[in-house]
């Protein structure tokens, strides 16, 4: 099971991951349009994802639509990413 609301420290500050497989450094970020729709938030999300990538994390992004309408695709993406990380 993934950790929930796990905090990571980066050079740019604190990042709280929605879900994380800590041993494989896989983060799953649930992006709701309400919280991620402004230009400022969109820019912030890109900087944040890059900071995690520089620390060796793989970031998977999902939306409410993905979770609600296509949960099998979300699960498949998570499983494939977990498998690829050994």
C-alpha atoms as a PDB file:
ATOM      1  CA  UNK A   1       0.000   0.000   0.000  1.00  0.00           C
ATOM      2  CA  UNK A   2       1.243   3.489  -0.734  1.00  0.00           C
ATOM      3  CA  UNK A   3       2.008   6.051   1.956  1.00  0.00           C
ATOM      4  CA  UNK A   4      -0.554   8.860   2.033  1.00  0.00           C
ATOM      5  CA  UNK A   5       0.360  12.550   2.307  1.00  0.00           C
ATOM      6  CA  UNK A   6       4.071  11.778   2.618  1.00  0.00           C
ATOM      7  CA  UNK A   7       6.376  14.755   3.066  1.00  0.00           C
ATOM      8  CA  UNK A   8       9.603  15.125   1.074  1.00  0.00           C
ATOM      9  CA  UNK A   9      12.173  17.899   1.470  1.00  0.00           C
ATOM     10  CA  UNK A  10      13.628  19.309  -1.742  1.00  0.00           C
ATOM     11  CA  UNK A  11      15.980  22.191  -2.393  1.00  0.00           C
ATOM     12  CA  UNK A  12      12.909  24.260  -3.182  1.00  0.00           C
ATOM     13  CA  UNK A  13      11.146  23.391   0.061  1.00  0.00           C
ATOM     14  CA  UNK A  14       8.618  20.923   1.366  1.00  0.00           C
ATOM     15  CA  UNK A  15       6.553  18.725  -0.968  1.00  0.00           C
ATOM     16  CA  UNK A  16       3.632  16.641   0.273  1.00  0.00           C
ATOM     17  CA  UNK A  17       2.903  13.711  -2.024  1.00  0.00           C
ATOM     18  CA  UNK A  18      -0.694  12.538  -2.309  1.00  0.00           C
ATOM     19  CA  UNK A  19       0.434   8.891  -2.470  1.00  0.00           C
ATOM     20  CA  UNK A  20       3.921   7.412  -2.527  1.00  0.00           C
ATOM     21  CA  UNK A  21       5.593   4.045  -2.857  1.00  0.00           C
ATOM     22  CA  UNK A  22       8.613   5.045  -0.817  1.00  0.00           C
ATOM     23  CA  UNK A  23      10.831   2.039  -1.533  1.00  0.00           C
ATOM     24  CA  UNK A  24      10.493   2.577  -5.304  1.00  0.00           C
ATOM     25  CA  UNK A  25      10.318   6.383  -5.257  1.00  0.00           C
ATOM     26  CA  UNK A  26       7.004   6.501  -7.106  1.00  0.00           C
ATOM     27  CA  UNK A  27       4.696   9.416  -6.397  1.00  0.00           C
ATOM     28  CA  UNK A  28       1.049   9.494  -7.433  1.00  0.00           C
ATOM     29  CA  UNK A  29      -0.398  12.965  -7.589  1.00  0.00           C
ATOM     30  CA  UNK A  30      -4.164  13.447  -7.768  1.00  0.00           C
ATOM     31  CA  UNK A  31      -4.751  16.664  -9.700  1.00  0.00           C
ATOM     32  CA  UNK A  32      -8.157  18.202  -9.180  1.00  0.00           C
ATOM     33  CA  UNK A  33      -9.064  20.976 -11.625  1.00  0.00           C
ATOM     34  CA  UNK A  34     -10.299  23.125  -8.755  1.00  0.00           C
ATOM     35  CA  UNK A  35      -6.849  23.216  -7.140  1.00  0.00           C
ATOM     36  CA  UNK A  36      -4.610  22.982 -10.219  1.00  0.00           C
ATOM     37  CA  UNK A  37      -6.283  25.169 -12.836  1.00  0.00           C
ATOM     38  CA  UNK A  38      -4.638  28.563 -12.359  1.00  0.00           C
ATOM     39  CA  UNK A  39      -1.523  29.520 -14.303  1.00  0.00           C
ATOM     40  CA  UNK A  40       0.359  30.013 -11.022  1.00  0.00           C
ATOM     41  CA  UNK A  41      -0.583  26.561  -9.728  1.00  0.00           C
ATOM     42  CA  UNK A  42       0.182  24.931 -13.078  1.00  0.00           C
ATOM     43  CA  UNK A  43       3.665  26.506 -13.062  1.00  0.00           C
ATOM     44  CA  UNK A  44       4.180  25.472  -9.428  1.00  0.00           C
ATOM     45  CA  UNK A  45       3.216  21.866 -10.238  1.00  0.00           C
ATOM     46  CA  UNK A  46       5.837  21.709 -13.015  1.00  0.00           C
ATOM     47  CA  UNK A  47       8.594  23.029 -10.719  1.00  0.00           C
ATOM     48  CA  UNK A  48       7.514  20.597  -8.011  1.00  0.00           C
ATOM     49  CA  UNK A  49       7.512  17.592 -10.364  1.00  0.00           C
ATOM     50  CA  UNK A  50      10.958  18.533 -11.667  1.00  0.00           C
ATOM     51  CA  UNK A  51      12.318  18.803  -8.123  1.00  0.00           C
ATOM     52  CA  UNK A  52      11.039  15.292  -7.399  1.00  0.00           C
ATOM     53  CA  UNK A  53      12.501  13.957 -10.654  1.00  0.00           C
ATOM     54  CA  UNK A  54      15.905  15.399  -9.734  1.00  0.00           C
ATOM     55  CA  UNK A  55      15.683  13.377  -6.506  1.00  0.00           C
ATOM     56  CA  UNK A  56      15.036  10.178  -8.474  1.00  0.00           C
ATOM     57  CA  UNK A  57      11.243  10.048  -8.129  1.00  0.00           C
ATOM     58  CA  UNK A  58       8.830   8.955 -10.848  1.00  0.00           C
ATOM     59  CA  UNK A  59       5.666  11.070 -10.743  1.00  0.00           C
ATOM     60  CA  UNK A  60       2.355   9.709 -12.026  1.00  0.00           C
ATOM     61  CA  UNK A  61      -0.415  12.261 -12.388  1.00  0.00           C
ATOM     62  CA  UNK A  62      -4.084  11.288 -12.265  1.00  0.00           C
ATOM     63  CA  UNK A  63      -7.297  13.286 -12.266  1.00  0.00           C
ATOM     64  CA  UNK A  64     -10.730  12.697 -10.790  1.00  0.00           C
ATOM     65  CA  UNK A  65     -11.927  11.767 -14.287  1.00  0.00           C
ATOM     66  CA  UNK A  66      -9.186   9.120 -14.554  1.00  0.00           C
ATOM     67  CA  UNK A  67     -10.016   7.701 -11.134  1.00  0.00           C
ATOM     68  CA  UNK A  68     -13.772   7.788 -11.624  1.00  0.00           C
ATOM     69  CA  UNK A  69     -14.167   6.861 -15.312  1.00  0.00           C
ATOM     70  CA  UNK A  70     -11.047   4.797 -16.028  1.00  0.00           C
ATOM     71  CA  UNK A  71      -9.826   3.258 -12.767  1.00  0.00           C
ATOM     72  CA  UNK A  72      -8.467   0.174 -14.552  1.00  0.00           C
ATOM     73  CA  UNK A  73      -6.116   2.385 -16.590  1.00  0.00           C
ATOM     74  CA  UNK A  74      -4.881   4.088 -13.417  1.00  0.00           C
ATOM     75  CA  UNK A  75      -4.249   0.747 -11.737  1.00  0.00           C
ATOM     76  CA  UNK A  76      -2.488  -0.559 -14.851  1.00  0.00           C
ATOM     77  CA  UNK A  77      -0.211   2.507 -14.968  1.00  0.00           C
ATOM     78  CA  UNK A  78       0.680   2.124 -11.282  1.00  0.00           C
ATOM     79  CA  UNK A  79       1.376  -1.598 -11.628  1.00  0.00           C
ATOM     80  CA  UNK A  80       3.505  -1.094 -14.739  1.00  0.00           C
ATOM     81  CA  UNK A  81       5.510   1.644 -13.046  1.00  0.00           C
ATOM     82  CA  UNK A  82       6.008  -0.460  -9.929  1.00  0.00           C
ATOM     83  CA  UNK A  83       7.194  -3.376 -12.099  1.00  0.00           C
ATOM     84  CA  UNK A  84       9.603  -1.208 -14.068  1.00  0.00           C
ATOM     85  CA  UNK A  85      11.274  -0.041 -10.863  1.00  0.00           C
ATOM     86  CA  UNK A  86      12.206  -3.611  -9.926  1.00  0.00           C
END
